[in-house]
Amino acid sequence: MRLAGGVAGGVAWVGLAIVVGMLGLLNLAWQTYVESAGLRLLGVAAQIVLTVAAALAVWGYRGPRTVPSPDGAGYRVWRLRFVIIVVAAFGDLAILVVLILRLVGVISGV
C-alpha cells in the first residue's frame, strides 16, 4: 500500500501518524467523561481503528528508517520521521490497552 510517492510519501505517512495520534488522545480525553457502557464500547472500537491506522503507517512508511551514527561509531539511529510514526503507533496501542482495561472494569480512574 503506497500513500504517495517518494519523499512526499514519507511526509504523508508522518502526517497520518500525527493525526491518528492526536485523535487517539482526543478519544482518551472523551472517554474520561463517558459513563455509559455503550459509549465506552464505541470509544474502544474507534481506538481499534486508530491503532490499525497507526500500524499501517509504520508498515507503509518506505522512507529511510535509520542513518549512520553522527559520531561514526558504527551504530545506526532512527530518523525523526520514523520515530514520530513509531511513537504515535505505540501511543495509540497504549491508549487502546487502557480503554480495554477500563471497559472490562480492571481500572476505573480513567
PDB file of N, CA and C in Angstrom:
ATOM      1  N   MET A   1       0.851  -1.169   0.000  1.00  0.00           N
ATOM      2  CA  MET A   1       0.000   0.000   0.000  1.00  0.00           C
ATOM      3  C   MET A   1       0.895   1.231   0.000  1.00  0.00           C
ATOM      4  N   ARG A   2       0.663   2.115  -0.928  1.00  0.00           N
ATOM      5  CA  ARG A   2       1.506   3.285  -1.060  1.00  0.00           C
ATOM      6  C   ARG A   2       0.621   4.530  -0.993  1.00  0.00           C
ATOM      7  N   LEU A   3       0.894   5.380   0.003  1.00  0.00           N
ATOM      8  CA  LEU A   3       0.078   6.580   0.191  1.00  0.00           C
ATOM      9  C   LEU A   3       0.423   7.627  -0.850  1.00  0.00           C
ATOM     10  N   ALA A   4       1.695   7.818  -1.111  1.00  0.00           N
ATOM     11  CA  ALA A   4       2.164   8.756  -2.124  1.00  0.00           C
ATOM     12  C   ALA A   4       3.595   8.364  -2.467  1.00  0.00           C
ATOM     13  N   GLY A   5       4.123   8.907  -3.547  1.00  0.00           N
ATOM     14  CA  GLY A   5       5.450   8.502  -3.994  1.00  0.00           C
ATOM     15  C   GLY A   5       6.566   9.346  -3.417  1.00  0.00           C
ATOM     16  N   GLY A   6       7.743   8.742  -3.320  1.00  0.00           N
ATOM     17  CA  GLY A   6       8.966   9.437  -2.960  1.00  0.00           C
ATOM     18  C   GLY A   6       8.943  10.078  -1.585  1.00  0.00           C
ATOM     19  N   VAL A   7       9.567  11.249  -1.496  1.00  0.00           N
ATOM     20  CA  VAL A   7       9.667  11.977  -0.232  1.00  0.00           C
ATOM     21  C   VAL A   7       8.292  12.370   0.273  1.00  0.00           C
ATOM     22  N   ALA A   8       7.391  12.725  -0.634  1.00  0.00           N
ATOM     23  CA  ALA A   8       6.041  13.115  -0.229  1.00  0.00           C
ATOM     24  C   ALA A   8       5.346  11.960   0.491  1.00  0.00           C
ATOM     25  N   GLY A   9       5.649  10.721   0.089  1.00  0.00           N
ATOM     26  CA  GLY A   9       5.050   9.568   0.752  1.00  0.00           C
ATOM     27  C   GLY A   9       5.473   9.479   2.201  1.00  0.00           C
ATOM     28  N   GLY A  10       6.748   9.742   2.479  1.00  0.00           N
ATOM     29  CA  GLY A  10       7.220   9.732   3.855  1.00  0.00           C
ATOM     30  C   GLY A  10       6.542  10.792   4.677  1.00  0.00           C
ATOM     31  N   VAL A  11       6.399  11.977   4.102  1.00  0.00           N
ATOM     32  CA  VAL A  11       5.742  13.079   4.808  1.00  0.00           C
ATOM     33  C   VAL A  11       4.268  12.762   5.028  1.00  0.00           C
ATOM     34  N   ALA A  12       3.635  12.123   4.055  1.00  0.00           N
ATOM     35  CA  ALA A  12       2.220  11.782   4.188  1.00  0.00           C
ATOM     36  C   ALA A  12       2.007  10.759   5.303  1.00  0.00           C
ATOM     37  N   TRP A  13       2.891   9.767   5.413  1.00  0.00           N
ATOM     38  CA  TRP A  13       2.756   8.779   6.480  1.00  0.00           C
ATOM     39  C   TRP A  13       2.975   9.420   7.838  1.00  0.00           C
ATOM     40  N   VAL A  14       3.930  10.335   7.922  1.00  0.00           N
ATOM     41  CA  VAL A  14       4.160  11.044   9.185  1.00  0.00           C
ATOM     42  C   VAL A  14       2.931  11.880   9.540  1.00  0.00           C
ATOM     43  N   GLY A  15       2.376  12.557   8.552  1.00  0.00           N
ATOM     44  CA  GLY A  15       1.163  13.345   8.787  1.00  0.00           C
ATOM     45  C   GLY A  15       0.013  12.473   9.263  1.00  0.00           C
ATOM     46  N   LEU A  16      -0.137  11.309   8.635  1.00  0.00           N
ATOM     47  CA  LEU A  16      -1.179  10.379   9.055  1.00  0.00           C
ATOM     48  C   LEU A  16      -0.946   9.943  10.502  1.00  0.00           C
ATOM     49  N   ALA A  17       0.303   9.638  10.847  1.00  0.00           N
ATOM     50  CA  ALA A  17       0.616   9.197  12.209  1.00  0.00           C
ATOM     51  C   ALA A  17       0.323  10.302  13.220  1.00  0.00           C
ATOM     52  N   ILE A  18       0.648  11.540  12.886  1.00  0.00           N
ATOM     53  CA  ILE A  18       0.383  12.656  13.799  1.00  0.00           C
ATOM     54  C   ILE A  18      -1.122  12.836  14.001  1.00  0.00           C
ATOM     55  N   VAL A  19      -1.877  12.806  12.920  1.00  0.00           N
ATOM     56  CA  VAL A  19      -3.334  12.971  13.017  1.00  0.00           C
ATOM     57  C   VAL A  19      -3.951  11.828  13.814  1.00  0.00           C
ATOM     58  N   VAL A  20      -3.525  10.596  13.538  1.00  0.00           N
ATOM     59  CA  VAL A  20      -4.067   9.437  14.242  1.00  0.00           C
ATOM     60  C   VAL A  20      -3.699   9.500  15.726  1.00  0.00           C
ATOM     61  N   GLY A  21      -2.480   9.917  16.037  1.00  0.00           N
ATOM     62  CA  GLY A  21      -2.072  10.047  17.432  1.00  0.00           C
ATOM     63  C   GLY A  21      -2.877  11.092  18.174  1.00  0.00           C
ATOM     64  N   MET A  22      -3.127  12.222  17.526  1.00  0.00           N
ATOM     65  CA  MET A  22      -3.920  13.267  18.171  1.00  0.00           C
ATOM     66  C   MET A  22      -5.374  12.824  18.344  1.00  0.00           C
ATOM     67  N   LEU A  23      -5.909  12.120  17.355  1.00  0.00           N
ATOM     68  CA  LEU A  23      -7.275  11.601  17.501  1.00  0.00           C
ATOM     69  C   LEU A  23      -7.356  10.585  18.638  1.00  0.00           C
ATOM     70  N   GLY A  24      -6.303   9.797  18.815  1.00  0.00           N
ATOM     71  CA  GLY A  24      -6.266   8.862  19.935  1.00  0.00           C
ATOM     72  C   GLY A  24      -6.289   9.584  21.272  1.00  0.00           C
ATOM     73  N   LEU A  25      -5.522  10.669  21.367  1.00  0.00           N
ATOM     74  CA  LEU A  25      -5.536  11.467  22.605  1.00  0.00           C
ATOM     75  C   LEU A  25      -6.896  12.102  22.842  1.00  0.00           C
ATOM     76  N   LEU A  26      -7.535  12.588  21.784  1.00  0.00           N
ATOM     77  CA  LEU A  26      -8.885  13.143  21.929  1.00  0.00           C
ATOM     78  C   LEU A  26      -9.882  12.067  22.356  1.00  0.00           C
ATOM     79  N   ASN A  27      -9.724  10.872  21.811  1.00  0.00           N
ATOM     80  CA  ASN A  27     -10.594   9.760  22.202  1.00  0.00           C
ATOM     81  C   ASN A  27     -10.413   9.434  23.685  1.00  0.00           C
ATOM     82  N   LEU A  28      -9.172   9.422  24.148  1.00  0.00           N
ATOM     83  CA  LEU A  28      -8.912   9.157  25.565  1.00  0.00           C
ATOM     84  C   LEU A  28      -9.506  10.262  26.437  1.00  0.00           C
ATOM     85  N   ALA A  29      -9.348  11.506  26.019  1.00  0.00           N
ATOM     86  CA  ALA A  29      -9.919  12.617  26.784  1.00  0.00           C
ATOM     87  C   ALA A  29     -11.442  12.518  26.824  1.00  0.00           C
ATOM     88  N   TRP A  30     -12.056  12.144  25.714  1.00  0.00           N
ATOM     89  CA  TRP A  30     -13.513  11.995  25.662  1.00  0.00           C
ATOM     90  C   TRP A  30     -13.959  10.857  26.577  1.00  0.00           C
ATOM     91  N   GLN A  31     -13.186   9.783  26.611  1.00  0.00           N
ATOM     92  CA  GLN A  31     -13.553   8.628  27.416  1.00  0.00           C
ATOM     93  C   GLN A  31     -13.499   8.915  28.916  1.00  0.00           C
ATOM     94  N   THR A  32     -12.759   9.939  29.327  1.00  0.00           N
ATOM     95  CA  THR A  32     -12.715  10.271  30.752  1.00  0.00           C
ATOM     96  C   THR A  32     -14.051  10.821  31.251  1.00  0.00           C
ATOM     97  N   TYR A  33     -14.880  11.311  30.340  1.00  0.00           N
ATOM     98  CA  TYR A  33     -16.177  11.882  30.728  1.00  0.00           C
ATOM     99  C   TYR A  33     -17.348  10.941  30.456  1.00  0.00           C
ATOM    100  N   VAL A  34     -17.098   9.811  29.811  1.00  0.00           N
ATOM    101  CA  VAL A  34     -18.166   8.904  29.412  1.00  0.00           C
ATOM    102  C   VAL A  34     -18.433   7.911  30.534  1.00  0.00           C
ATOM    103  N   GLU A  35     -19.691   7.757  30.896  1.00  0.00           N
ATOM    104  CA  GLU A  35     -20.079   6.778  31.911  1.00  0.00           C
ATOM    105  C   GLU A  35     -20.870   5.620  31.316  1.00  0.00           C
ATOM    106  N   SER A  36     -21.423   5.801  30.134  1.00  0.00           N
ATOM    107  CA  SER A  36     -22.247   4.771  29.510  1.00  0.00           C
ATOM    108  C   SER A  36     -21.370   3.651  28.941  1.00  0.00           C
ATOM    109  N   ALA A  37     -21.774   2.406  29.174  1.00  0.00           N
ATOM    110  CA  ALA A  37     -21.013   1.262  28.662  1.00  0.00           C
ATOM    111  C   ALA A  37     -21.033   1.230  27.137  1.00  0.00           C
ATOM    112  N   GLY A  38     -22.146   1.645  26.549  1.00  0.00           N
ATOM    113  CA  GLY A  38     -22.235   1.672  25.092  1.00  0.00           C
ATOM    114  C   GLY A  38     -21.265   2.665  24.472  1.00  0.00           C
ATOM    115  N   LEU A  39     -21.145   3.832  25.086  1.00  0.00           N
ATOM    116  CA  LEU A  39     -20.203   4.827  24.576  1.00  0.00           C
ATOM    117  C   LEU A  39     -18.760   4.416  24.838  1.00  0.00           C
ATOM    118  N   ARG A  40     -18.530   3.700  25.927  1.00  0.00           N
ATOM    119  CA  ARG A  40     -17.183   3.173  26.177  1.00  0.00           C
ATOM    120  C   ARG A  40     -16.806   2.177  25.086  1.00  0.00           C
ATOM    121  N   LEU A  41     -17.753   1.314  24.725  1.00  0.00           N
ATOM    122  CA  LEU A  41     -17.511   0.342  23.663  1.00  0.00           C
ATOM    123  C   LEU A  41     -17.257   1.042  22.331  1.00  0.00           C
ATOM    124  N   LEU A  42     -17.991   2.099  22.067  1.00  0.00           N
ATOM    125  CA  LEU A  42     -17.771   2.882  20.853  1.00  0.00           C
ATOM    126  C   LEU A  42     -16.366   3.493  20.847  1.00  0.00           C
ATOM    127  N   GLY A  43     -15.929   3.973  21.992  1.00  0.00           N
ATOM    128  CA  GLY A  43     -14.579   4.540  22.096  1.00  0.00           C
ATOM    129  C   GLY A  43     -13.499   3.498  21.868  1.00  0.00           C
ATOM    130  N   VAL A  44     -13.715   2.283  22.374  1.00  0.00           N
ATOM    131  CA  VAL A  44     -12.752   1.205  22.143  1.00  0.00           C
ATOM    132  C   VAL A  44     -12.725   0.833  20.669  1.00  0.00           C
ATOM    133  N   ALA A  45     -13.887   0.768  20.034  1.00  0.00           N
ATOM    134  CA  ALA A  45     -13.936   0.451  18.602  1.00  0.00           C
ATOM    135  C   ALA A  45     -13.217   1.517  17.781  1.00  0.00           C
ATOM    136  N   ALA A  46     -13.437   2.781  18.132  1.00  0.00           N
ATOM    137  CA  ALA A  46     -12.745   3.862  17.421  1.00  0.00           C
ATOM    138  C   ALA A  46     -11.244   3.776  17.640  1.00  0.00           C
ATOM    139  N   GLN A  47     -10.825   3.417  18.851  1.00  0.00           N
ATOM    140  CA  GLN A  47      -9.396   3.319  19.134  1.00  0.00           C
ATOM    141  C   GLN A  47      -8.769   2.142  18.401  1.00  0.00           C
ATOM    142  N   ILE A  48      -9.512   1.081  18.201  1.00  0.00           N
ATOM    143  CA  ILE A  48      -9.003  -0.046  17.408  1.00  0.00           C
ATOM    144  C   ILE A  48      -8.724   0.410  15.983  1.00  0.00           C
ATOM    145  N   VAL A  49      -9.648   1.179  15.420  1.00  0.00           N
ATOM    146  CA  VAL A  49      -9.451   1.697  14.063  1.00  0.00           C
ATOM    147  C   VAL A  49      -8.226   2.607  14.013  1.00  0.00           C
ATOM    148  N   LEU A  50      -8.067   3.472  15.011  1.00  0.00           N
ATOM    149  CA  LEU A  50      -6.912   4.372  15.039  1.00  0.00           C
ATOM    150  C   LEU A  50      -5.602   3.606  15.208  1.00  0.00           C
ATOM    151  N   THR A  51      -5.613   2.565  16.017  1.00  0.00           N
ATOM    152  CA  THR A  51      -4.404   1.768  16.222  1.00  0.00           C
ATOM    153  C   THR A  51      -4.024   1.026  14.940  1.00  0.00           C
ATOM    154  N   VAL A  52      -4.999   0.517  14.229  1.00  0.00           N
ATOM    155  CA  VAL A  52      -4.731  -0.150  12.951  1.00  0.00           C
ATOM    156  C   VAL A  52      -4.174   0.856  11.941  1.00  0.00           C
ATOM    157  N   ALA A  53      -4.724   2.065  11.922  1.00  0.00           N
ATOM    158  CA  ALA A  53      -4.207   3.095  11.012  1.00  0.00           C
ATOM    159  C   ALA A  53      -2.766   3.459  11.357  1.00  0.00           C
ATOM    160  N   ALA A  54      -2.446   3.529  12.644  1.00  0.00           N
ATOM    161  CA  ALA A  54      -1.061   3.817  13.050  1.00  0.00           C
ATOM    162  C   ALA A  54      -0.136   2.672  12.659  1.00  0.00           C
ATOM    163  N   ALA A  55      -0.608   1.436  12.810  1.00  0.00           N
ATOM    164  CA  ALA A  55       0.202   0.285  12.400  1.00  0.00           C
ATOM    165  C   ALA A  55       0.422   0.293  10.891  1.00  0.00           C
ATOM    166  N   LEU A  56      -0.587   0.698  10.139  1.00  0.00           N
ATOM    167  CA  LEU A  56      -0.420   0.824   8.690  1.00  0.00           C
ATOM    168  C   LEU A  56       0.615   1.891   8.339  1.00  0.00           C
ATOM    169  N   ALA A  57       0.674   2.949   9.118  1.00  0.00           N
ATOM    170  CA  ALA A  57       1.672   3.987   8.877  1.00  0.00           C
ATOM    171  C   ALA A  57       3.078   3.445   9.108  1.00  0.00           C
ATOM    172  N   VAL A  58       3.252   2.637  10.158  1.00  0.00           N
ATOM    173  CA  VAL A  58       4.568   2.027  10.407  1.00  0.00           C
ATOM    174  C   VAL A  58       4.916   1.079   9.267  1.00  0.00           C
ATOM    175  N   TRP A  59       3.960   0.272   8.875  1.00  0.00           N
ATOM    176  CA  TRP A  59       4.195  -0.703   7.827  1.00  0.00           C
ATOM    177  C   TRP A  59       4.375  -0.041   6.456  1.00  0.00           C
ATOM    178  N   GLY A  60       3.621   1.003   6.193  1.00  0.00           N
ATOM    179  CA  GLY A  60       3.632   1.627   4.879  1.00  0.00           C
ATOM    180  C   GLY A  60       4.757   2.616   4.633  1.00  0.00           C
ATOM    181  N   TYR A  61       5.409   3.075   5.695  1.00  0.00           N
ATOM    182  CA  TYR A  61       6.480   4.061   5.536  1.00  0.00           C
ATOM    183  C   TYR A  61       7.644   3.423   4.794  1.00  0.00           C
ATOM    184  N   ARG A  62       8.014   3.999   3.666  1.00  0.00           N
ATOM    185  CA  ARG A  62       9.082   3.452   2.836  1.00  0.00           C
ATOM    186  C   ARG A  62      10.306   4.353   2.783  1.00  0.00           C
ATOM    187  N   GLY A  63      10.305   5.399   3.563  1.00  0.00           N
ATOM    188  CA  GLY A  63      11.466   6.288   3.595  1.00  0.00           C
ATOM    189  C   GLY A  63      12.603   5.658   4.376  1.00  0.00           C
ATOM    190  N   PRO A  64      13.731   6.340   4.429  1.00  0.00           N
ATOM    191  CA  PRO A  64      14.850   5.798   5.204  1.00  0.00           C
ATOM    192  C   PRO A  64      14.506   5.769   6.694  1.00  0.00           C
ATOM    193  N   ARG A  65      14.714   4.634   7.324  1.00  0.00           N
ATOM    194  CA  ARG A  65      14.360   4.480   8.735  1.00  0.00           C
ATOM    195  C   ARG A  65      15.534   4.797   9.653  1.00  0.00           C
ATOM    196  N   THR A  66      16.728   4.551   9.199  1.00  0.00           N
ATOM    197  CA  THR A  66      17.903   4.785  10.036  1.00  0.00           C
ATOM    198  C   THR A  66      18.958   5.563   9.258  1.00  0.00           C
ATOM    199  N   VAL A  67      19.858   6.164  10.006  1.00  0.00           N
ATOM    200  CA  VAL A  67      21.027   6.846   9.442  1.00  0.00           C
ATOM    201  C   VAL A  67      22.246   6.415  10.256  1.00  0.00           C
ATOM    202  N   PRO A  68      23.440   6.515   9.688  1.00  0.00           N
ATOM    203  CA  PRO A  68      24.627   6.185  10.469  1.00  0.00           C
ATOM    204  C   PRO A  68      24.766   7.124  11.664  1.00  0.00           C
ATOM    205  N   SER A  69      25.406   6.623  12.703  1.00  0.00           N
ATOM    206  CA  SER A  69      25.579   7.421  13.913  1.00  0.00           C
ATOM    207  C   SER A  69      26.382   8.682  13.612  1.00  0.00           C
ATOM    208  N   PRO A  70      26.051   9.789  14.283  1.00  0.00           N
ATOM    209  CA  PRO A  70      26.761  11.037  14.000  1.00  0.00           C
ATOM    210  C   PRO A  70      28.233  11.017  14.413  1.00  0.00           C
ATOM    211  N   ASP A  71      28.585  10.147  15.346  1.00  0.00           N
ATOM    212  CA  ASP A  71      29.977  10.106  15.788  1.00  0.00           C
ATOM    213  C   ASP A  71      30.800   9.052  15.060  1.00  0.00           C
ATOM    214  N   GLY A  72      30.175   8.330  14.121  1.00  0.00           N
ATOM    215  CA  GLY A  72      30.889   7.345  13.331  1.00  0.00           C
ATOM    216  C   GLY A  72      31.253   6.086  14.091  1.00  0.00           C
ATOM    217  N   ALA A  73      30.531   5.776  15.155  1.00  0.00           N
ATOM    218  CA  ALA A  73      30.859   4.620  15.990  1.00  0.00           C
ATOM    219  C   ALA A  73      30.345   3.307  15.418  1.00  0.00           C
ATOM    220  N   GLY A  74      29.642   3.339  14.329  1.00  0.00           N
ATOM    221  CA  GLY A  74      29.208   2.110  13.684  1.00  0.00           C
ATOM    222  C   GLY A  74      27.775   1.710  13.956  1.00  0.00           C
ATOM    223  N   TYR A  75      27.100   2.354  14.872  1.00  0.00           N
ATOM    224  CA  TYR A  75      25.693   2.021  15.115  1.00  0.00           C
ATOM    225  C   TYR A  75      24.811   2.932  14.271  1.00  0.00           C
ATOM    226  N   ARG A  76      23.541   2.620  14.208  1.00  0.00           N
ATOM    227  CA  ARG A  76      22.597   3.402  13.407  1.00  0.00           C
ATOM    228  C   ARG A  76      21.508   3.954  14.327  1.00  0.00           C
ATOM    229  N   VAL A  77      20.989   5.120  14.002  1.00  0.00           N
ATOM    230  CA  VAL A  77      19.913   5.739  14.781  1.00  0.00           C
ATOM    231  C   VAL A  77      18.697   5.943  13.877  1.00  0.00           C
ATOM    232  N   TRP A  78      17.522   5.937  14.515  1.00  0.00           N
ATOM    233  CA  TRP A  78      16.300   6.134  13.746  1.00  0.00           C
ATOM    234  C   TRP A  78      16.176   7.584  13.301  1.00  0.00           C
ATOM    235  N   ARG A  79      15.602   7.765  12.133  1.00  0.00           N
ATOM    236  CA  ARG A  79      15.324   9.115  11.640  1.00  0.00           C
ATOM    237  C   ARG A  79      14.098   9.673  12.353  1.00  0.00           C
ATOM    238  N   LEU A  80      14.020  10.996  12.427  1.00  0.00           N
ATOM    239  CA  LEU A  80      12.938  11.656  13.162  1.00  0.00           C
ATOM    240  C   LEU A  80      11.571  11.284  12.602  1.00  0.00           C
ATOM    241  N   ARG A  81      11.437  11.204  11.292  1.00  0.00           N
ATOM    242  CA  ARG A  81      10.146  10.842  10.696  1.00  0.00           C
ATOM    243  C   ARG A  81       9.683   9.473  11.189  1.00  0.00           C
ATOM    244  N   PHE A  82      10.593   8.518  11.195  1.00  0.00           N
ATOM    245  CA  PHE A  82      10.230   7.177  11.626  1.00  0.00           C
ATOM    246  C   PHE A  82       9.938   7.132  13.120  1.00  0.00           C
ATOM    247  N   VAL A  83      10.665   7.908  13.902  1.00  0.00           N
ATOM    248  CA  VAL A  83      10.417   7.975  15.351  1.00  0.00           C
ATOM    249  C   VAL A  83       9.011   8.509  15.622  1.00  0.00           C
ATOM    250  N   ILE A  84       8.609   9.549  14.899  1.00  0.00           N
ATOM    251  CA  ILE A  84       7.270  10.115  15.079  1.00  0.00           C
ATOM    252  C   ILE A  84       6.202   9.058  14.799  1.00  0.00           C
ATOM    253  N   ILE A  85       6.382   8.291  13.733  1.00  0.00           N
ATOM    254  CA  ILE A  85       5.410   7.262  13.369  1.00  0.00           C
ATOM    255  C   ILE A  85       5.350   6.172  14.439  1.00  0.00           C
ATOM    256  N   VAL A  86       6.507   5.722  14.908  1.00  0.00           N
ATOM    257  CA  VAL A  86       6.541   4.641  15.900  1.00  0.00           C
ATOM    258  C   VAL A  86       5.963   5.108  17.238  1.00  0.00           C
ATOM    259  N   VAL A  87       6.286   6.331  17.656  1.00  0.00           N
ATOM    260  CA  VAL A  87       5.743   6.851  18.920  1.00  0.00           C
ATOM    261  C   VAL A  87       4.220   6.973  18.836  1.00  0.00           C
ATOM    262  N   ALA A  88       3.712   7.434  17.701  1.00  0.00           N
ATOM    263  CA  ALA A  88       2.258   7.524  17.535  1.00  0.00           C
ATOM    264  C   ALA A  88       1.615   6.142  17.588  1.00  0.00           C
ATOM    265  N   ALA A  89       2.254   5.154  16.972  1.00  0.00           N
ATOM    266  CA  ALA A  89       1.693   3.796  16.976  1.00  0.00           C
ATOM    267  C   ALA A  89       1.694   3.212  18.382  1.00  0.00           C
ATOM    268  N   PHE A  90       2.800   3.343  19.107  1.00  0.00           N
ATOM    269  CA  PHE A  90       2.842   2.813  20.472  1.00  0.00           C
ATOM    270  C   PHE A  90       1.900   3.587  21.392  1.00  0.00           C
ATOM    271  N   GLY A  91       1.770   4.889  21.175  1.00  0.00           N
ATOM    272  CA  GLY A  91       0.835   5.678  21.978  1.00  0.00           C
ATOM    273  C   GLY A  91      -0.596   5.235  21.752  1.00  0.00           C
ATOM    274  N   ASP A  92      -0.970   5.011  20.495  1.00  0.00           N
ATOM    275  CA  ASP A  92      -2.325   4.538  20.209  1.00  0.00           C
ATOM    276  C   ASP A  92      -2.553   3.147  20.783  1.00  0.00           C
ATOM    277  N   LEU A  93      -1.544   2.295  20.734  1.00  0.00           N
ATOM    278  CA  LEU A  93      -1.672   0.968  21.326  1.00  0.00           C
ATOM    279  C   LEU A  93      -1.841   1.058  22.842  1.00  0.00           C
ATOM    280  N   ALA A  94      -1.086   1.941  23.490  1.00  0.00           N
ATOM    281  CA  ALA A  94      -1.211   2.111  24.941  1.00  0.00           C
ATOM    282  C   ALA A  94      -2.595   2.636  25.314  1.00  0.00           C
ATOM    283  N   ILE A  95      -3.097   3.589  24.545  1.00  0.00           N
ATOM    284  CA  ILE A  95      -4.443   4.115  24.803  1.00  0.00           C
ATOM    285  C   ILE A  95      -5.480   3.005  24.630  1.00  0.00           C
ATOM    286  N   LEU A  96      -5.309   2.165  23.610  1.00  0.00           N
ATOM    287  CA  LEU A  96      -6.232   1.051  23.399  1.00  0.00           C
ATOM    288  C   LEU A  96      -6.236   0.102  24.595  1.00  0.00           C
ATOM    289  N   VAL A  97      -5.063  -0.216  25.116  1.00  0.00           N
ATOM    290  CA  VAL A  97      -4.978  -1.104  26.278  1.00  0.00           C
ATOM    291  C   VAL A  97      -5.689  -0.482  27.479  1.00  0.00           C
ATOM    292  N   VAL A  98      -5.465   0.809  27.721  1.00  0.00           N
ATOM    293  CA  VAL A  98      -6.115   1.486  28.846  1.00  0.00           C
ATOM    294  C   VAL A  98      -7.635   1.473  28.686  1.00  0.00           C
ATOM    295  N   LEU A  99      -8.111   1.743  27.481  1.00  0.00           N
ATOM    296  CA  LEU A  99      -9.560   1.773  27.266  1.00  0.00           C
ATOM    297  C   LEU A  99     -10.178   0.382  27.417  1.00  0.00           C
ATOM    298  N   ILE A 100      -9.475  -0.642  26.974  1.00  0.00           N
ATOM    299  CA  ILE A 100      -9.990  -2.004  27.143  1.00  0.00           C
ATOM    300  C   ILE A 100     -10.025  -2.369  28.627  1.00  0.00           C
ATOM    301  N   LEU A 101      -8.962  -2.023  29.354  1.00  0.00           N
ATOM    302  CA  LEU A 101      -8.950  -2.315  30.794  1.00  0.00           C
ATOM    303  C   LEU A 101     -10.071  -1.575  31.516  1.00  0.00           C
ATOM    304  N   ARG A 102     -10.367  -0.370  31.069  1.00  0.00           N
ATOM    305  CA  ARG A 102     -11.478   0.371  31.680  1.00  0.00           C
ATOM    306  C   ARG A 102     -12.808  -0.273  31.311  1.00  0.00           C
ATOM    307  N   LEU A 103     -12.929  -0.743  30.073  1.00  0.00           N
ATOM    308  CA  LEU A 103     -14.180  -1.346  29.621  1.00  0.00           C
ATOM    309  C   LEU A 103     -14.497  -2.613  30.421  1.00  0.00           C
ATOM    310  N   VAL A 104     -13.486  -3.415  30.700  1.00  0.00           N
ATOM    311  CA  VAL A 104     -13.729  -4.667  31.439  1.00  0.00           C
ATOM    312  C   VAL A 104     -13.734  -4.474  32.941  1.00  0.00           C
ATOM    313  N   GLY A 105     -13.426  -3.271  33.417  1.00  0.00           N
ATOM    314  CA  GLY A 105     -13.532  -2.961  34.826  1.00  0.00           C
ATOM    315  C   GLY A 105     -12.278  -3.156  35.644  1.00  0.00           C
ATOM    316  N   VAL A 106     -11.146  -3.383  35.009  1.00  0.00           N
ATOM    317  CA  VAL A 106      -9.897  -3.565  35.745  1.00  0.00           C
ATOM    318  C   VAL A 106      -9.443  -2.236  36.365  1.00  0.00           C
ATOM    319  N   ILE A 107      -9.597  -1.152  35.607  1.00  0.00           N
ATOM    320  CA  ILE A 107      -9.276   0.169  36.135  1.00  0.00           C
ATOM    321  C   ILE A 107     -10.523   1.039  36.053  1.00  0.00           C
ATOM    322  N   SER A 108     -10.611   2.025  36.931  1.00  0.00           N
ATOM    323  CA  SER A 108     -11.796   2.871  36.941  1.00  0.00           C
ATOM    324  C   SER A 108     -11.473   4.353  36.980  1.00  0.00           C
ATOM    325  N   GLY A 109     -10.234   4.730  37.116  1.00  0.00           N
ATOM    326  CA  GLY A 109      -9.893   6.134  37.275  1.00  0.00           C
ATOM    327  C   GLY A 109      -9.692   6.896  35.994  1.00  0.00           C
ATOM    328  N   VAL A 110      -9.916   6.277  34.846  1.00  0.00           N
ATOM    329  CA  VAL A 110      -9.675   6.964  33.575  1.00  0.00           C
ATOM    330  C   VAL A 110     -10.985   7.458  33.026  1.00  0.00           C
TER     331      VAL A 110
END
